[in-house]
Amino acid sequence: MYAQMVETGVKSVKSTTEMSSEEQAFQARIDAEIKIEPKNWMPEAYRKTLIRQISQHAHSEIVGMLPEGNWVTRAPTLKRKLQLMAKIQDEAGHGLYLYSAMETLGADRDEEVQKMHEGKAKYSSIFNYPTLNWADMGTIGWLVDGAAIVNQVPLQRTSYGPYSRAMIRVCKEESFHQRQGYEILLHLMREGNDAQKEMVQDSINRFWWPVLMMFGPSDAHSPNSAQSMAWKIKRHSNDELRQRFIDQTIPQLQILGCTAPDPDLKFNEETGHWEYGEIDWTEFFEVLKGNGPCNKERVAQRKKAIDEGAWVREAAVAYANKKQQRNAA
């Protein structure tokens, strides 16, 4: 699960002649596929871009637990309950890996979390939609985590070392989540009654377009994409990743016996790709502005968790200080 980097306008990338000697050496390291490590010199813009991207990614992992957490007590069997709890625990771990990677850039975790609470930092738009039935747990695992995997696999090769290494474990676990989600839907479609099959189709209908929006608009509308590509923070365009996701998802959808809510969806024999209809970007930007179905609810839940957990953090700090003083004595 991840956050989109969405802005408008276009910025040009510096030419070699416009770079300082330090910037030229830095770019040469990038071009040679040598990882940038925390102690290496880096342009301030590179550092800020990474902090923004990694923090939004971390926020998404943490907020992403909330839609699923609503169904822990309503899971249909003990097995499903345990699976869901394990998945939620994984997402919490992903957030911790990413916050830690972000801190290697000199960012303060508490400050970045506060920015999210104040609406100054974003998280993935998909988590501002409600989970209305049990099939949504399967759809989130299959479609949402599936989209995240398409985006995150290239991040294993991103130019910043700590981020790249964190993504290796994240991708392995997200891949398991995708299989788990698909198995939930497959079981409902093969073993379920008509009402349960309709529940699956309804879930897919509601999540299909928001999932396609997860990749963000075309890179032509992002001022930082060209530079992120040059720095190899980003490896593929938004449209390329979205197409890759659709091409690998439609065959799985057909195996389920379900359909996508897109009358324009068709396979192009010449290109070998699935063509899809127009995405409603007005809805996407409204959700990013905080006007989605669950924006206020999600942020309020995160604020409540931070506030109610303050005593634990304070106690841990007090204990650490007391232990340090005792050892010094």
Protein backbone atom coordinates (compact mmCIF):
# COMPACT_ATOMS: atom_id res chain seq x y z
CA MET A 1 0.00 0.00 0.00
CA TYR A 2 1.37 3.40 -0.85
CA ALA A 3 0.71 7.09 -1.37
CA GLN A 4 0.54 9.00 -4.60
CA MET A 5 2.84 11.93 -5.34
CA VAL A 6 0.39 14.23 -7.11
CA GLU A 7 1.02 17.82 -8.11
CA THR A 8 0.43 19.95 -11.19
CA GLY A 9 2.76 21.70 -13.58
CA VAL A 10 6.04 20.54 -15.08
CA LYS A 11 9.64 21.24 -14.06
CA SER A 12 12.67 20.62 -16.24
CA VAL A 13 15.64 18.52 -15.15
CA LYS A 14 19.00 20.26 -14.77
CA SER A 15 21.49 19.64 -17.56
CA THR A 16 25.03 18.52 -16.66
CA THR A 17 26.40 21.99 -17.38
CA GLU A 18 23.95 23.50 -14.89
CA MET A 19 25.05 21.15 -12.09
CA SER A 20 27.69 21.88 -9.47
CA SER A 21 30.65 19.50 -9.24
CA GLU A 22 29.01 17.79 -6.26
CA GLU A 23 25.76 17.34 -8.19
CA GLN A 24 27.64 15.91 -11.17
CA ALA A 25 29.42 13.38 -8.94
CA PHE A 26 26.10 12.51 -7.32
CA GLN A 27 24.38 11.99 -10.69
CA ALA A 28 27.30 9.88 -11.90
CA ARG A 29 26.81 7.61 -8.89
CA ILE A 30 23.09 7.35 -9.69
CA ASP A 31 23.77 6.58 -13.36
CA ALA A 32 26.21 3.85 -12.33
CA GLU A 33 23.43 2.20 -10.26
CA ILE A 34 25.36 2.74 -7.02
CA LYS A 35 23.03 3.16 -4.02
CA ILE A 36 22.95 6.45 -2.17
CA GLU A 37 23.48 5.90 1.55
CA PRO A 38 22.59 8.22 4.48
CA LYS A 39 26.15 9.50 4.94
CA ASN A 40 26.68 10.24 1.25
CA TRP A 41 26.32 13.80 0.00
CA MET A 42 22.98 14.39 -1.72
CA PRO A 43 21.15 17.43 -3.16
CA GLU A 44 18.68 18.95 -0.73
CA ALA A 45 15.91 18.49 -3.29
CA TYR A 46 16.69 14.75 -3.48
CA ARG A 47 16.50 14.47 0.31
CA LYS A 48 13.20 16.40 0.49
CA THR A 49 11.66 14.39 -2.34
CA LEU A 50 12.50 11.14 -0.56
CA ILE A 51 11.20 12.36 2.79
CA ARG A 52 7.92 13.35 1.15
CA GLN A 53 7.58 10.06 -0.73
CA ILE A 54 8.68 7.72 2.06
CA SER A 55 6.59 9.49 4.71
CA GLN A 56 3.47 9.31 2.52
CA HIS A 57 4.21 5.64 1.91
CA ALA A 58 4.57 5.03 5.66
CA HIS A 59 1.36 6.97 6.43
CA SER A 60 -0.47 4.80 3.88
CA GLU A 61 0.68 1.59 5.52
CA ILE A 62 -0.55 2.76 8.92
CA VAL A 63 -3.85 4.28 7.76
CA GLY A 64 -4.37 1.19 5.61
CA MET A 65 -4.86 -0.89 8.74
CA LEU A 66 -8.05 0.98 9.63
CA PRO A 67 -10.45 -0.27 6.89
CA GLU A 68 -9.40 -3.85 7.67
CA GLY A 69 -9.43 -3.40 11.43
CA ASN A 70 -13.17 -2.80 11.23
CA TRP A 71 -13.66 -6.43 10.16
CA VAL A 72 -11.52 -8.30 12.72
CA THR A 73 -14.50 -8.87 15.02
CA ARG A 74 -16.79 -9.73 12.09
CA ALA A 75 -14.59 -12.22 10.23
CA PRO A 76 -16.68 -15.30 9.34
CA THR A 77 -14.34 -17.92 10.85
CA LEU A 78 -11.46 -18.13 13.32
CA LYS A 79 -9.11 -18.90 10.44
CA ARG A 80 -10.14 -15.72 8.61
CA LYS A 81 -9.83 -13.71 11.80
CA LEU A 82 -6.27 -14.90 12.37
CA GLN A 83 -5.33 -14.25 8.74
CA LEU A 84 -6.71 -10.72 8.88
CA MET A 85 -4.95 -9.94 12.16
CA ALA A 86 -1.65 -11.21 10.73
CA LYS A 87 -2.11 -9.02 7.65
CA ILE A 88 -2.84 -5.94 9.75
CA GLN A 89 0.24 -6.68 11.85
CA ASP A 90 2.33 -6.86 8.66
CA GLU A 91 1.06 -3.44 7.55
CA ALA A 92 2.07 -1.95 10.90
CA GLY A 93 5.53 -3.41 10.41
CA HIS A 94 5.77 -1.90 6.93
CA GLY A 95 4.98 1.50 8.37
CA LEU A 96 7.74 1.11 10.97
CA TYR A 97 10.32 0.04 8.34
CA LEU A 98 9.46 3.05 6.22
CA TYR A 99 9.43 5.59 9.07
CA SER A 100 12.86 4.27 10.04
CA ALA A 101 14.12 4.64 6.46
CA MET A 102 12.74 8.18 6.41
CA GLU A 103 14.57 9.04 9.65
CA THR A 104 17.92 8.17 8.03
CA LEU A 105 17.34 11.30 5.92
CA GLY A 106 17.17 13.46 9.04
CA ALA A 107 13.37 13.69 9.18
CA ASP A 108 11.50 13.63 12.48
CA ARG A 109 8.81 10.95 12.66
CA ASP A 110 6.55 12.88 15.03
CA GLU A 111 6.71 15.96 12.83
CA GLU A 112 5.80 13.99 9.70
CA VAL A 113 2.89 12.28 11.47
CA GLN A 114 1.67 15.67 12.66
CA LYS A 115 1.74 16.94 9.07
CA MET A 116 -0.59 14.10 8.09
CA HIS A 117 -2.94 14.99 10.94
CA GLU A 118 -2.99 18.60 9.76
CA GLY A 119 -3.62 17.64 6.14
CA LYS A 120 -0.18 18.83 5.00
CA ALA A 121 0.98 15.31 4.10
CA LYS A 122 -1.05 12.77 2.14
CA TYR A 123 -1.59 9.03 2.23
CA SER A 124 -3.02 6.76 -0.47
CA SER A 125 -6.45 7.91 -1.64
CA ILE A 126 -7.80 4.33 -1.63
CA PHE A 127 -7.99 4.25 2.17
CA ASN A 128 -10.63 6.96 2.20
CA TYR A 129 -13.26 4.53 0.92
CA PRO A 130 -15.44 2.43 3.27
CA THR A 131 -15.35 -1.36 3.63
CA LEU A 132 -19.01 -2.36 3.48
CA ASN A 133 -18.91 -6.17 3.37
CA TRP A 134 -16.61 -9.13 4.03
CA ALA A 135 -15.73 -9.44 0.33
CA ASP A 136 -14.01 -6.05 0.66
CA MET A 137 -11.30 -7.79 2.71
CA GLY A 138 -10.61 -9.99 -0.30
CA THR A 139 -10.79 -7.10 -2.76
CA ILE A 140 -8.37 -5.00 -0.72
CA GLY A 141 -5.91 -7.87 -0.58
CA TRP A 142 -6.24 -8.72 -4.27
CA LEU A 143 -6.76 -5.35 -6.00
CA VAL A 144 -5.36 -2.76 -3.56
CA ASP A 145 -2.31 -4.73 -2.48
CA GLY A 146 -1.96 -5.97 -6.06
CA ALA A 147 -1.71 -2.38 -7.28
CA ALA A 148 0.74 -1.63 -4.47
CA ILE A 149 2.96 -4.54 -5.57
CA VAL A 150 3.10 -3.26 -9.16
CA ASN A 151 4.25 0.10 -7.82
CA GLN A 152 6.57 -1.25 -5.12
CA VAL A 153 8.52 -3.94 -6.97
CA PRO A 154 10.47 -1.27 -8.93
CA LEU A 155 11.13 0.52 -5.62
CA GLN A 156 13.35 -2.40 -4.65
CA ARG A 157 15.75 -0.84 -7.18
CA THR A 158 15.21 2.77 -6.12
CA SER A 159 18.42 4.75 -5.76
CA TYR A 160 18.26 5.34 -1.99
CA GLY A 161 19.70 2.34 -0.16
CA PRO A 162 17.59 2.22 3.05
CA TYR A 163 14.35 2.63 1.07
CA SER A 164 15.39 0.02 -1.48
CA ARG A 165 16.27 -2.56 1.19
CA ALA A 166 13.08 -1.94 3.18
CA MET A 167 11.02 -2.63 0.07
CA ILE A 168 12.42 -6.15 -0.36
CA ARG A 169 10.64 -7.49 2.72
CA VAL A 170 7.59 -5.29 2.16
CA CYS A 171 7.09 -6.69 -1.35
CA LYS A 172 7.38 -10.29 -0.16
CA GLU A 173 4.69 -9.75 2.46
CA GLU A 174 2.43 -7.75 0.14
CA SER A 175 2.64 -10.57 -2.39
CA PHE A 176 1.31 -12.96 0.26
CA HIS A 177 -1.47 -10.48 1.10
CA GLN A 178 -2.52 -10.40 -2.55
CA ARG A 179 -2.76 -14.20 -2.70
CA GLN A 180 -4.69 -14.25 0.56
CA GLY A 181 -7.18 -11.68 -0.74
CA TYR A 182 -7.69 -13.51 -4.02
CA GLU A 183 -8.28 -16.79 -2.16
CA ILE A 184 -11.05 -15.12 -0.12
CA LEU A 185 -12.82 -14.01 -3.31
CA LEU A 186 -12.23 -17.31 -5.10
CA HIS A 187 -13.73 -19.24 -2.18
CA LEU A 188 -16.81 -17.00 -2.15
CA MET A 189 -17.29 -17.35 -5.92
CA ARG A 190 -16.82 -21.15 -5.97
CA GLU A 191 -18.38 -22.18 -2.68
CA GLY A 192 -20.70 -19.28 -1.89
CA ASN A 193 -24.40 -18.79 -2.55
CA ASP A 194 -25.84 -16.27 -5.01
CA ALA A 195 -25.90 -13.50 -2.40
CA GLN A 196 -22.21 -14.02 -1.61
CA LYS A 197 -21.30 -14.00 -5.30
CA GLU A 198 -23.20 -10.74 -5.72
CA MET A 199 -21.30 -9.40 -2.72
CA VAL A 200 -18.00 -10.09 -4.49
CA GLN A 201 -19.10 -8.36 -7.69
CA ASP A 202 -20.40 -5.38 -5.70
CA SER A 203 -17.06 -5.07 -3.92
CA ILE A 204 -15.13 -5.14 -7.21
CA ASN A 205 -17.49 -2.56 -8.70
CA ARG A 206 -16.85 -0.14 -5.84
CA PHE A 207 -13.08 -0.54 -5.67
CA TRP A 208 -12.15 -0.88 -9.36
CA TRP A 209 -11.88 2.79 -10.32
CA PRO A 210 -10.39 4.01 -7.00
CA VAL A 211 -7.70 1.31 -7.38
CA LEU A 212 -6.82 2.53 -10.89
CA MET A 213 -6.54 6.03 -9.42
CA MET A 214 -3.93 4.78 -6.94
CA PHE A 215 -1.24 5.12 -9.62
CA GLY A 216 -1.97 8.82 -9.96
CA PRO A 217 -2.57 10.90 -13.10
CA SER A 218 -0.23 10.94 -16.06
CA ASP A 219 3.32 12.01 -15.24
CA ALA A 220 2.86 14.93 -17.64
CA HIS A 221 0.93 16.62 -14.82
CA SER A 222 3.58 16.10 -12.14
CA PRO A 223 6.41 18.64 -11.74
CA ASN A 224 8.72 16.21 -9.96
CA SER A 225 8.36 13.02 -12.02
CA ALA A 226 11.07 13.85 -14.57
CA GLN A 227 13.58 14.63 -11.81
CA SER A 228 12.58 11.57 -9.80
CA MET A 229 13.16 9.45 -12.89
CA ALA A 230 16.56 11.08 -13.47
CA TRP A 231 17.50 10.37 -9.85
CA LYS A 232 16.11 6.82 -10.24
CA ILE A 233 13.87 7.26 -7.22
CA LYS A 234 11.13 6.36 -9.66
CA ARG A 235 11.65 3.81 -12.45
CA HIS A 236 8.39 3.80 -14.42
CA SER A 237 5.66 6.28 -15.34
CA ASN A 238 2.25 6.22 -13.65
CA ASP A 239 0.52 5.23 -16.89
CA GLU A 240 2.99 2.41 -17.52
CA LEU A 241 2.42 0.97 -14.05
CA ARG A 242 -1.36 1.30 -14.37
CA GLN A 243 -1.31 -0.55 -17.70
CA ARG A 244 0.87 -3.30 -16.23
CA PHE A 245 -1.60 -3.73 -13.36
CA ILE A 246 -4.63 -3.93 -15.66
CA ASP A 247 -2.96 -6.42 -18.00
CA GLN A 248 -2.14 -8.81 -15.16
CA THR A 249 -5.44 -8.34 -13.31
CA ILE A 250 -8.03 -8.92 -16.05
CA PRO A 251 -7.14 -12.64 -16.52
CA GLN A 252 -7.50 -13.13 -12.75
CA LEU A 253 -10.85 -11.34 -12.88
CA GLN A 254 -12.02 -13.70 -15.62
CA ILE A 255 -11.02 -16.75 -13.55
CA LEU A 256 -13.17 -15.40 -10.70
CA GLY A 257 -16.11 -15.16 -13.07
CA CYS A 258 -16.55 -11.47 -12.36
CA THR A 259 -16.45 -8.35 -14.52
CA ALA A 260 -14.92 -4.89 -14.29
CA PRO A 261 -17.36 -1.95 -14.15
CA ASP A 262 -15.90 -0.52 -17.37
CA PRO A 263 -17.97 -0.80 -20.57
CA ASP A 264 -14.98 0.42 -22.61
CA LEU A 265 -12.64 -2.34 -21.43
CA LYS A 266 -11.36 -4.39 -24.38
CA PHE A 267 -8.26 -6.30 -25.45
CA ASN A 268 -6.20 -4.82 -28.27
CA GLU A 269 -4.74 -7.69 -30.31
CA GLU A 270 -2.18 -5.41 -31.99
CA THR A 271 -0.69 -3.93 -28.80
CA GLY A 272 -1.28 -6.95 -26.57
CA HIS A 273 -2.75 -4.66 -23.88
CA TRP A 274 -6.16 -4.15 -22.36
CA GLU A 275 -7.66 -0.74 -23.20
CA TYR A 276 -9.77 0.91 -20.51
CA GLY A 277 -12.21 3.77 -20.15
CA GLU A 278 -11.70 7.32 -18.94
CA ILE A 279 -10.88 7.73 -15.24
CA ASP A 280 -12.80 10.35 -13.25
CA TRP A 281 -9.89 12.42 -11.96
CA THR A 282 -12.31 14.95 -10.42
CA GLU A 283 -13.22 12.34 -7.81
CA PHE A 284 -9.55 11.55 -7.23
CA PHE A 285 -8.55 15.15 -6.52
CA GLU A 286 -11.58 15.68 -4.29
CA VAL A 287 -10.51 12.72 -2.17
CA LEU A 288 -6.95 14.10 -1.98
CA LYS A 289 -8.37 17.43 -0.80
CA GLY A 290 -10.00 15.63 2.11
CA ASN A 291 -13.50 15.31 0.67
CA GLY A 292 -13.63 11.54 0.27
CA PRO A 293 -16.18 9.28 2.01
CA CYS A 294 -13.90 8.51 5.00
CA ASN A 295 -11.13 11.16 5.03
CA LYS A 296 -12.18 12.81 8.28
CA GLU A 297 -12.90 9.47 9.95
CA ARG A 298 -9.51 8.02 9.07
CA VAL A 299 -7.51 11.04 10.27
CA ALA A 300 -9.60 11.26 13.45
CA GLN A 301 -8.86 7.58 14.21
CA ARG A 302 -5.12 8.13 13.74
CA LYS A 303 -5.16 11.23 15.98
CA LYS A 304 -7.06 9.29 18.64
CA ALA A 305 -4.53 6.44 18.53
CA ILE A 306 -1.62 8.87 18.89
CA ASP A 307 -3.27 10.71 21.79
CA GLU A 308 -4.35 7.58 23.66
CA GLY A 309 -0.93 5.99 23.22
CA ALA A 310 1.00 9.00 24.52
CA TRP A 311 1.29 7.55 28.04
CA VAL A 312 3.00 4.42 26.67
CA ARG A 313 5.61 6.47 24.80
CA GLU A 314 6.16 8.73 27.79
CA ALA A 315 6.56 5.74 30.11
CA ALA A 316 9.05 4.12 27.73
CA VAL A 317 11.15 7.31 27.59
CA ALA A 318 11.02 7.70 31.38
CA TYR A 319 12.12 4.10 31.87
CA ALA A 320 14.97 4.48 29.35
CA ASN A 321 16.19 7.62 31.10
CA LYS A 322 15.96 5.97 34.52
CA LYS A 323 17.90 2.93 33.26
CA GLN A 324 20.56 5.15 31.72
CA GLN A 325 21.00 7.07 34.99
CA ARG A 326 21.21 3.81 36.94
CA ASN A 327 23.88 2.42 34.61
CA ALA A 328 25.86 5.66 34.83
CA ALA A 329 25.80 5.48 38.64
